[in-house]
């Protein structure tokens, strides 16, 4: 009888660990994680579509951008509160994109080397 009680206790403990471990170990993806179809307006190149591929871990954001001008990795990015800030350094220049997220959409401003500026919007297309 004592052996059965020890076995049942050990089994219960093992099942408890299995049930709790995935919940503790899993991180929920941040709100900017995913693929974003975006549109830049203004600037010397005119309006241009581009795609952001973002992964958020806490306030840190990583990823890349794809546009008719080419593909580039994001140099650095953060998401704090509801504000996303992305830096992309390319051979053509250094870009800064700043946006706020509202109801799953991004909207904000962009600049290239502080001389070329405009606005941009983005809509998330892929699930997290």
Protein backbone atom coordinates (compact mmCIF):
# COMPACT_ATOMS: atom_id res chain seq x y z
CA UNK A 1 0.00 0.00 0.00
CA UNK A 2 2.82 2.37 0.91
CA UNK A 3 4.51 1.58 -2.44
CA UNK A 4 1.32 2.47 -4.33
CA UNK A 5 1.06 5.79 -2.50
CA UNK A 6 4.67 6.66 -3.36
CA UNK A 7 4.11 5.64 -7.01
CA UNK A 8 0.91 7.73 -7.28
CA UNK A 9 2.66 10.73 -5.67
CA UNK A 10 5.60 10.46 -8.05
CA UNK A 11 3.29 10.09 -11.06
CA UNK A 12 1.23 13.11 -9.98
CA UNK A 13 4.39 15.19 -9.57
CA UNK A 14 5.71 14.14 -12.99
CA UNK A 15 2.40 14.99 -14.70
CA UNK A 16 2.34 18.36 -12.93
CA UNK A 17 5.82 19.18 -14.24
CA UNK A 18 4.83 18.20 -17.79
CA UNK A 19 1.71 20.34 -17.70
CA UNK A 20 3.38 23.43 -16.18
CA UNK A 21 6.67 23.38 -18.13
CA UNK A 22 5.28 24.41 -21.57
CA UNK A 23 3.33 27.29 -20.05
CA UNK A 24 6.36 28.60 -18.17
CA UNK A 25 8.82 28.10 -21.04
CA UNK A 26 6.76 29.61 -23.83
CA UNK A 27 7.12 33.27 -24.70
CA UNK A 28 4.20 35.04 -26.32
CA UNK A 29 5.24 36.77 -29.53
CA UNK A 30 5.15 40.56 -29.29
CA UNK A 31 2.57 42.57 -31.23
CA UNK A 32 4.99 43.53 -34.01
CA UNK A 33 6.14 39.96 -34.70
CA UNK A 34 5.12 38.91 -38.20
CA UNK A 35 5.09 40.06 -41.80
CA UNK A 36 3.95 43.59 -42.59
CA UNK A 37 2.88 44.90 -46.00
CA UNK A 38 3.83 48.56 -45.96
CA UNK A 39 3.53 51.67 -48.10
CA UNK A 40 5.92 54.65 -47.93
CA UNK A 41 4.71 58.02 -49.19
CA UNK A 42 6.70 61.08 -50.11
CA UNK A 43 10.38 61.50 -50.62
CA UNK A 44 12.47 61.74 -53.76
CA UNK A 45 11.57 58.19 -54.90
CA UNK A 46 7.83 58.76 -54.59
CA UNK A 47 5.42 56.22 -53.10
CA UNK A 48 6.87 52.74 -52.63
CA UNK A 49 5.61 49.42 -51.29
CA UNK A 50 7.88 47.43 -48.99
CA UNK A 51 7.63 44.43 -46.68
CA UNK A 52 8.91 44.17 -43.11
CA UNK A 53 9.69 40.79 -41.55
CA UNK A 54 9.85 41.34 -37.78
CA UNK A 55 10.50 39.25 -34.68
CA UNK A 56 9.96 40.87 -31.29
CA UNK A 57 11.52 39.67 -28.04
CA UNK A 58 10.57 42.03 -25.24
CA UNK A 59 11.51 45.53 -26.40
CA UNK A 60 14.07 44.23 -28.93
CA UNK A 61 13.03 43.76 -32.55
CA UNK A 62 14.99 42.01 -35.30
CA UNK A 63 14.26 41.35 -38.92
CA UNK A 64 14.64 42.54 -42.48
CA UNK A 65 13.03 44.69 -45.14
CA UNK A 66 12.30 43.91 -48.77
CA UNK A 67 11.54 46.60 -51.36
CA UNK A 68 11.97 47.30 -55.07
CA UNK A 69 15.34 48.82 -54.11
CA UNK A 70 16.47 45.47 -52.65
CA UNK A 71 16.57 43.56 -49.39
CA UNK A 72 18.37 44.61 -46.22
CA UNK A 73 18.66 43.47 -42.62
CA UNK A 74 17.36 45.76 -39.91
CA UNK A 75 20.37 47.33 -38.21
CA UNK A 76 18.56 47.92 -34.91
CA UNK A 77 14.98 48.25 -33.73
CA UNK A 78 12.93 48.62 -30.56
CA UNK A 79 9.29 48.50 -29.59
CA UNK A 80 8.45 50.40 -26.40
CA UNK A 81 4.87 51.05 -25.34
CA UNK A 82 3.12 51.45 -28.66
CA UNK A 83 6.12 52.97 -30.51
CA UNK A 84 8.23 51.07 -33.05
CA UNK A 85 11.60 52.51 -34.09
CA UNK A 86 13.59 50.86 -36.89
CA UNK A 87 17.08 51.74 -38.17
CA UNK A 88 18.19 50.36 -41.54
CA UNK A 89 21.70 51.22 -42.74
CA UNK A 90 22.30 50.58 -46.46
CA UNK A 91 24.83 51.63 -49.09
CA UNK A 92 22.23 54.08 -50.42
CA UNK A 93 21.77 55.73 -47.02
CA UNK A 94 20.56 55.33 -43.46
CA UNK A 95 16.83 55.01 -42.91
CA UNK A 96 14.84 55.67 -39.74
CA UNK A 97 11.25 54.45 -39.51
CA UNK A 98 9.13 55.45 -36.53
CA UNK A 99 5.55 54.29 -36.07
CA UNK A 100 2.83 53.65 -33.56
CA UNK A 101 0.74 50.52 -33.56
CA UNK A 102 -3.03 50.89 -33.27
CA UNK A 103 -5.53 48.07 -33.81
CA UNK A 104 -2.95 45.93 -35.59
CA UNK A 105 -1.81 48.65 -38.00
CA UNK A 106 1.38 50.72 -38.08
CA UNK A 107 1.56 54.36 -39.10
CA UNK A 108 4.33 56.89 -38.78
CA UNK A 109 7.18 58.71 -40.46
CA UNK A 110 10.38 57.75 -42.22
CA UNK A 111 13.56 59.62 -43.06
CA UNK A 112 16.71 58.90 -45.03
CA UNK A 113 19.81 60.73 -43.87
CA UNK A 114 17.50 63.49 -42.50
CA UNK A 115 17.12 65.00 -46.01
CA UNK A 116 14.52 62.70 -47.54
CA UNK A 117 11.31 62.27 -45.49
CA UNK A 118 7.77 61.01 -45.68
CA UNK A 119 5.09 58.93 -44.00
CA UNK A 120 4.41 55.20 -43.98
CA UNK A 121 1.77 52.69 -43.01
CA UNK A 122 1.82 48.94 -42.50
CA UNK A 123 -0.69 46.15 -42.15
CA UNK A 124 0.19 42.79 -40.64
CA UNK A 125 -0.33 39.93 -43.05
CA UNK A 126 1.05 36.80 -41.39
CA UNK A 127 0.03 35.24 -38.11
CA UNK A 128 2.48 35.32 -35.23
